[in-house]
Amino acid sequence: MSWAAPYILKLQQGQTVSFRPKGHSMRPYIQSGQLVTVQPFAKGQAPEVSDIVLTRVRGADYLHFVQARRDNQVLIANAHGHQNGWTSLERVYGKVVAIQA
């Protein structure tokens, strides 16, 4: 089970979640251990370029930026420009709506 599995499950059930991700891939936007709140997308709503989303790319879960969109896919990347790859909109589970210390 991945670190994000319990949050993804709740997002798929329509619940908003809060957690403290670890790591430095989203600095300076999100510091390691900061409290983030992620909200599921409403029906018909889709992620936009520059949204920070909880997503799965090639079996790994990320809290990273949407860098680009095409058809029913988004390109996921961290704050330092590293691209994780393209993933389907079905694997984008929610959008960061708040970041707290």
N, C-alpha and C. Protein backbone atom coordinates (compact mmCIF):
# COMPACT_ATOMS: atom_id res chain seq x y z
N MET A 1 0.85 -1.18 0.00
CA MET A 1 0.00 0.00 0.00
C MET A 1 0.89 1.24 0.00
N SER A 2 0.55 2.20 -0.83
CA SER A 2 1.34 3.43 -0.93
C SER A 2 1.00 4.39 0.21
N TRP A 3 1.84 5.38 0.40
CA TRP A 3 1.62 6.38 1.45
C TRP A 3 0.29 7.11 1.24
N ALA A 4 -0.14 7.25 -0.01
CA ALA A 4 -1.33 8.05 -0.31
C ALA A 4 -2.62 7.24 -0.38
N ALA A 5 -2.53 5.91 -0.32
CA ALA A 5 -3.72 5.06 -0.51
C ALA A 5 -4.91 5.43 0.37
N PRO A 6 -4.72 5.68 1.68
CA PRO A 6 -5.89 6.02 2.50
C PRO A 6 -6.53 7.36 2.10
N TYR A 7 -5.70 8.30 1.65
CA TYR A 7 -6.22 9.61 1.23
C TYR A 7 -6.94 9.49 -0.11
N ILE A 8 -6.38 8.70 -1.02
CA ILE A 8 -7.01 8.49 -2.32
C ILE A 8 -8.38 7.85 -2.14
N LEU A 9 -8.47 6.86 -1.29
CA LEU A 9 -9.74 6.19 -1.03
C LEU A 9 -10.79 7.19 -0.55
N LYS A 10 -10.42 8.04 0.38
CA LYS A 10 -11.36 9.04 0.90
C LYS A 10 -11.76 10.05 -0.19
N LEU A 11 -10.78 10.47 -0.99
CA LEU A 11 -11.09 11.39 -2.09
C LEU A 11 -12.05 10.75 -3.08
N GLN A 12 -11.86 9.48 -3.38
CA GLN A 12 -12.76 8.77 -4.29
C GLN A 12 -14.17 8.66 -3.71
N GLN A 13 -14.28 8.74 -2.41
CA GLN A 13 -15.59 8.71 -1.75
C GLN A 13 -16.18 10.11 -1.59
N GLY A 14 -15.49 11.11 -2.15
CA GLY A 14 -16.00 12.48 -2.12
C GLY A 14 -15.62 13.28 -0.90
N GLN A 15 -14.69 12.76 -0.09
CA GLN A 15 -14.28 13.46 1.13
C GLN A 15 -13.04 14.32 0.88
N THR A 16 -12.95 15.42 1.59
CA THR A 16 -11.76 16.26 1.60
C THR A 16 -10.82 15.70 2.66
N VAL A 17 -9.51 15.70 2.37
CA VAL A 17 -8.53 15.14 3.29
C VAL A 17 -7.44 16.15 3.60
N SER A 18 -6.81 16.00 4.76
CA SER A 18 -5.66 16.80 5.16
C SER A 18 -4.58 15.86 5.65
N PHE A 19 -3.34 16.17 5.30
CA PHE A 19 -2.20 15.35 5.71
C PHE A 19 -0.92 16.16 5.59
N ARG A 20 0.17 15.61 6.12
CA ARG A 20 1.47 16.27 6.11
C ARG A 20 2.46 15.47 5.27
N PRO A 21 2.59 15.79 3.97
CA PRO A 21 3.51 15.05 3.13
C PRO A 21 4.96 15.33 3.51
N LYS A 22 5.80 14.36 3.27
CA LYS A 22 7.23 14.48 3.56
C LYS A 22 8.00 14.56 2.24
N GLY A 23 9.09 15.28 2.24
CA GLY A 23 9.94 15.39 1.06
C GLY A 23 10.14 16.83 0.64
N HIS A 24 11.00 17.02 -0.33
CA HIS A 24 11.39 18.38 -0.74
C HIS A 24 11.11 18.68 -2.21
N SER A 25 10.40 17.80 -2.89
CA SER A 25 10.18 17.98 -4.32
C SER A 25 9.26 19.15 -4.65
N MET A 26 8.51 19.66 -3.68
CA MET A 26 7.60 20.77 -3.95
C MET A 26 8.02 22.08 -3.29
N ARG A 27 9.24 22.10 -2.72
CA ARG A 27 9.75 23.34 -2.16
C ARG A 27 9.93 24.35 -3.27
N PRO A 28 9.62 25.59 -3.14
CA PRO A 28 9.22 26.32 -1.95
C PRO A 28 7.70 26.38 -1.73
N TYR A 29 6.93 25.74 -2.57
CA TYR A 29 5.47 25.82 -2.48
C TYR A 29 4.92 25.06 -1.29
N ILE A 30 5.45 23.85 -1.06
CA ILE A 30 5.06 23.05 0.09
C ILE A 30 6.34 22.56 0.76
N GLN A 31 6.48 22.87 2.05
CA GLN A 31 7.63 22.41 2.83
C GLN A 31 7.33 21.02 3.39
N SER A 32 8.34 20.22 3.58
CA SER A 32 8.17 18.90 4.16
C SER A 32 7.47 19.02 5.52
N GLY A 33 6.38 18.30 5.69
CA GLY A 33 5.64 18.30 6.95
C GLY A 33 4.56 19.35 7.08
N GLN A 34 4.42 20.24 6.09
CA GLN A 34 3.34 21.22 6.16
C GLN A 34 2.00 20.51 5.98
N LEU A 35 0.97 21.03 6.62
CA LEU A 35 -0.36 20.48 6.50
C LEU A 35 -0.98 20.95 5.19
N VAL A 36 -1.39 20.00 4.36
CA VAL A 36 -2.08 20.33 3.10
C VAL A 36 -3.49 19.75 3.14
N THR A 37 -4.39 20.45 2.52
CA THR A 37 -5.77 19.99 2.38
C THR A 37 -6.03 19.76 0.90
N VAL A 38 -6.55 18.57 0.59
CA VAL A 38 -6.83 18.17 -0.79
C VAL A 38 -8.32 17.89 -0.91
N GLN A 39 -8.92 18.47 -1.93
CA GLN A 39 -10.34 18.34 -2.17
C GLN A 39 -10.56 17.55 -3.46
N PRO A 40 -11.54 16.64 -3.47
CA PRO A 40 -11.82 15.91 -4.71
C PRO A 40 -12.41 16.86 -5.75
N PHE A 41 -12.26 16.48 -7.01
CA PHE A 41 -12.84 17.28 -8.08
C PHE A 41 -14.34 17.01 -8.16
N ALA A 42 -15.10 18.06 -8.37
CA ALA A 42 -16.54 17.91 -8.56
C ALA A 42 -16.80 17.27 -9.92
N LYS A 43 -17.93 16.66 -10.05
CA LYS A 43 -18.29 16.02 -11.31
C LYS A 43 -18.20 17.03 -12.45
N GLY A 44 -17.49 16.66 -13.50
CA GLY A 44 -17.32 17.54 -14.65
C GLY A 44 -16.16 18.51 -14.52
N GLN A 45 -15.58 18.59 -13.33
CA GLN A 45 -14.44 19.48 -13.10
C GLN A 45 -13.15 18.71 -13.40
N ALA A 46 -12.16 19.38 -13.95
CA ALA A 46 -10.88 18.73 -14.27
C ALA A 46 -9.73 19.62 -13.81
N PRO A 47 -8.57 19.02 -13.57
CA PRO A 47 -7.43 19.82 -13.14
C PRO A 47 -6.96 20.78 -14.23
N GLU A 48 -6.44 21.89 -13.77
CA GLU A 48 -5.89 22.92 -14.67
C GLU A 48 -4.37 22.90 -14.57
N VAL A 49 -3.72 23.42 -15.60
CA VAL A 49 -2.27 23.59 -15.55
C VAL A 49 -1.94 24.50 -14.37
N SER A 50 -0.96 24.12 -13.60
CA SER A 50 -0.44 24.78 -12.39
C SER A 50 -1.14 24.35 -11.11
N ASP A 51 -2.22 23.56 -11.19
CA ASP A 51 -2.83 23.00 -9.98
C ASP A 51 -1.84 22.03 -9.34
N ILE A 52 -1.85 21.97 -8.02
CA ILE A 52 -1.12 20.93 -7.29
C ILE A 52 -2.14 19.85 -6.99
N VAL A 53 -1.84 18.63 -7.42
CA VAL A 53 -2.80 17.55 -7.32
C VAL A 53 -2.20 16.31 -6.67
N LEU A 54 -3.07 15.48 -6.10
CA LEU A 54 -2.68 14.15 -5.64
C LEU A 54 -3.02 13.21 -6.78
N THR A 55 -2.00 12.51 -7.29
CA THR A 55 -2.17 11.72 -8.50
C THR A 55 -1.29 10.48 -8.47
N ARG A 56 -1.59 9.57 -9.38
CA ARG A 56 -0.78 8.36 -9.54
C ARG A 56 -0.23 8.35 -10.97
N VAL A 57 1.09 8.21 -11.07
CA VAL A 57 1.77 8.14 -12.36
C VAL A 57 2.61 6.88 -12.37
N ARG A 58 2.33 5.99 -13.30
CA ARG A 58 3.08 4.73 -13.44
C ARG A 58 3.23 3.98 -12.11
N GLY A 59 2.16 3.94 -11.33
CA GLY A 59 2.15 3.18 -10.08
C GLY A 59 2.69 3.91 -8.86
N ALA A 60 3.19 5.12 -9.03
CA ALA A 60 3.70 5.91 -7.90
C ALA A 60 2.76 7.09 -7.64
N ASP A 61 2.59 7.44 -6.36
CA ASP A 61 1.70 8.53 -5.99
C ASP A 61 2.51 9.80 -5.71
N TYR A 62 1.97 10.92 -6.18
CA TYR A 62 2.66 12.20 -6.07
C TYR A 62 1.69 13.30 -5.66
N LEU A 63 2.22 14.28 -4.96
CA LEU A 63 1.53 15.54 -4.71
C LEU A 63 2.35 16.57 -5.48
N HIS A 64 2.04 16.73 -6.75
CA HIS A 64 2.85 17.54 -7.67
C HIS A 64 1.98 18.40 -8.56
N PHE A 65 2.64 19.22 -9.38
CA PHE A 65 1.97 20.13 -10.29
C PHE A 65 1.44 19.43 -11.54
N VAL A 66 0.35 19.97 -12.06
CA VAL A 66 -0.06 19.67 -13.43
C VAL A 66 0.73 20.63 -14.31
N GLN A 67 1.59 20.09 -15.16
CA GLN A 67 2.44 20.94 -16.00
C GLN A 67 1.82 21.19 -17.38
N ALA A 68 1.04 20.23 -17.87
CA ALA A 68 0.40 20.38 -19.18
C ALA A 68 -0.81 19.45 -19.25
N ARG A 69 -1.68 19.73 -20.23
CA ARG A 69 -2.86 18.88 -20.47
C ARG A 69 -2.97 18.57 -21.94
N ARG A 70 -3.48 17.36 -22.23
CA ARG A 70 -3.83 16.99 -23.61
C ARG A 70 -4.95 15.96 -23.51
N ASP A 71 -5.96 16.13 -24.30
CA ASP A 71 -7.10 15.20 -24.29
C ASP A 71 -7.50 14.85 -22.86
N ASN A 72 -7.42 13.59 -22.48
CA ASN A 72 -7.80 13.13 -21.14
C ASN A 72 -6.59 12.79 -20.29
N GLN A 73 -5.49 13.50 -20.51
CA GLN A 73 -4.28 13.25 -19.74
C GLN A 73 -3.67 14.55 -19.24
N VAL A 74 -2.86 14.40 -18.18
CA VAL A 74 -2.09 15.53 -17.66
C VAL A 74 -0.64 15.11 -17.48
N LEU A 75 0.26 16.07 -17.64
CA LEU A 75 1.68 15.85 -17.39
C LEU A 75 1.97 16.33 -15.98
N ILE A 76 2.56 15.46 -15.16
CA ILE A 76 2.82 15.75 -13.76
C ILE A 76 4.30 16.06 -13.58
N ALA A 77 4.61 17.09 -12.78
CA ALA A 77 6.00 17.48 -12.54
C ALA A 77 6.12 18.08 -11.14
N ASN A 78 7.34 18.03 -10.59
CA ASN A 78 7.57 18.63 -9.28
C ASN A 78 7.92 20.11 -9.43
N ALA A 79 8.21 20.76 -8.33
CA ALA A 79 8.49 22.20 -8.33
C ALA A 79 9.84 22.55 -8.93
N HIS A 80 10.66 21.55 -9.20
CA HIS A 80 12.00 21.78 -9.76
C HIS A 80 12.08 21.42 -11.23
N GLY A 81 10.92 21.14 -11.83
CA GLY A 81 10.87 20.86 -13.26
C GLY A 81 11.01 19.41 -13.66
N HIS A 82 11.25 18.51 -12.69
CA HIS A 82 11.34 17.08 -13.03
C HIS A 82 9.97 16.56 -13.41
N GLN A 83 9.85 16.00 -14.59
CA GLN A 83 8.58 15.46 -15.05
C GLN A 83 8.45 14.00 -14.64
N ASN A 84 7.32 13.68 -14.01
CA ASN A 84 7.04 12.31 -13.61
C ASN A 84 6.38 11.52 -14.74
N GLY A 85 5.71 12.22 -15.64
CA GLY A 85 5.09 11.58 -16.79
C GLY A 85 3.63 11.96 -16.94
N TRP A 86 3.06 11.42 -18.02
CA TRP A 86 1.65 11.64 -18.33
C TRP A 86 0.81 10.61 -17.61
N THR A 87 -0.36 11.03 -17.15
CA THR A 87 -1.32 10.12 -16.53
C THR A 87 -2.73 10.54 -16.92
N SER A 88 -3.65 9.60 -16.83
CA SER A 88 -5.03 9.89 -17.21
C SER A 88 -5.72 10.73 -16.13
N LEU A 89 -6.76 11.43 -16.53
CA LEU A 89 -7.53 12.22 -15.58
C LEU A 89 -8.14 11.34 -14.49
N GLU A 90 -8.39 10.08 -14.80
CA GLU A 90 -8.93 9.15 -13.80
C GLU A 90 -7.98 8.93 -12.64
N ARG A 91 -6.70 9.20 -12.85
CA ARG A 91 -5.70 8.99 -11.80
C ARG A 91 -5.29 10.30 -11.12
N VAL A 92 -6.08 11.32 -11.32
CA VAL A 92 -5.90 12.58 -10.60
C VAL A 92 -7.04 12.64 -9.60
N TYR A 93 -6.71 12.52 -8.31
CA TYR A 93 -7.72 12.26 -7.29
C TYR A 93 -8.23 13.52 -6.58
N GLY A 94 -7.41 14.56 -6.54
CA GLY A 94 -7.86 15.76 -5.86
C GLY A 94 -6.86 16.89 -6.04
N LYS A 95 -7.30 18.08 -5.67
CA LYS A 95 -6.51 19.31 -5.82
C LYS A 95 -6.21 19.90 -4.44
N VAL A 96 -4.99 20.40 -4.27
CA VAL A 96 -4.63 21.09 -3.03
C VAL A 96 -5.40 22.41 -2.99
N VAL A 97 -6.13 22.61 -1.89
CA VAL A 97 -6.91 23.83 -1.71
C VAL A 97 -6.41 24.68 -0.55
N ALA A 98 -5.52 24.12 0.27
CA ALA A 98 -4.96 24.88 1.39
C ALA A 98 -3.61 24.28 1.79
N ILE A 99 -2.69 25.16 2.18
CA ILE A 99 -1.39 24.78 2.70
C ILE A 99 -1.17 25.58 3.97
N GLN A 100 -0.93 24.88 5.10
CA GLN A 100 -0.73 25.55 6.38
C GLN A 100 0.60 25.12 6.97
N ALA A 101 1.13 25.94 7.86
CA ALA A 101 2.40 25.63 8.51
C ALA A 101 2.28 24.44 9.43
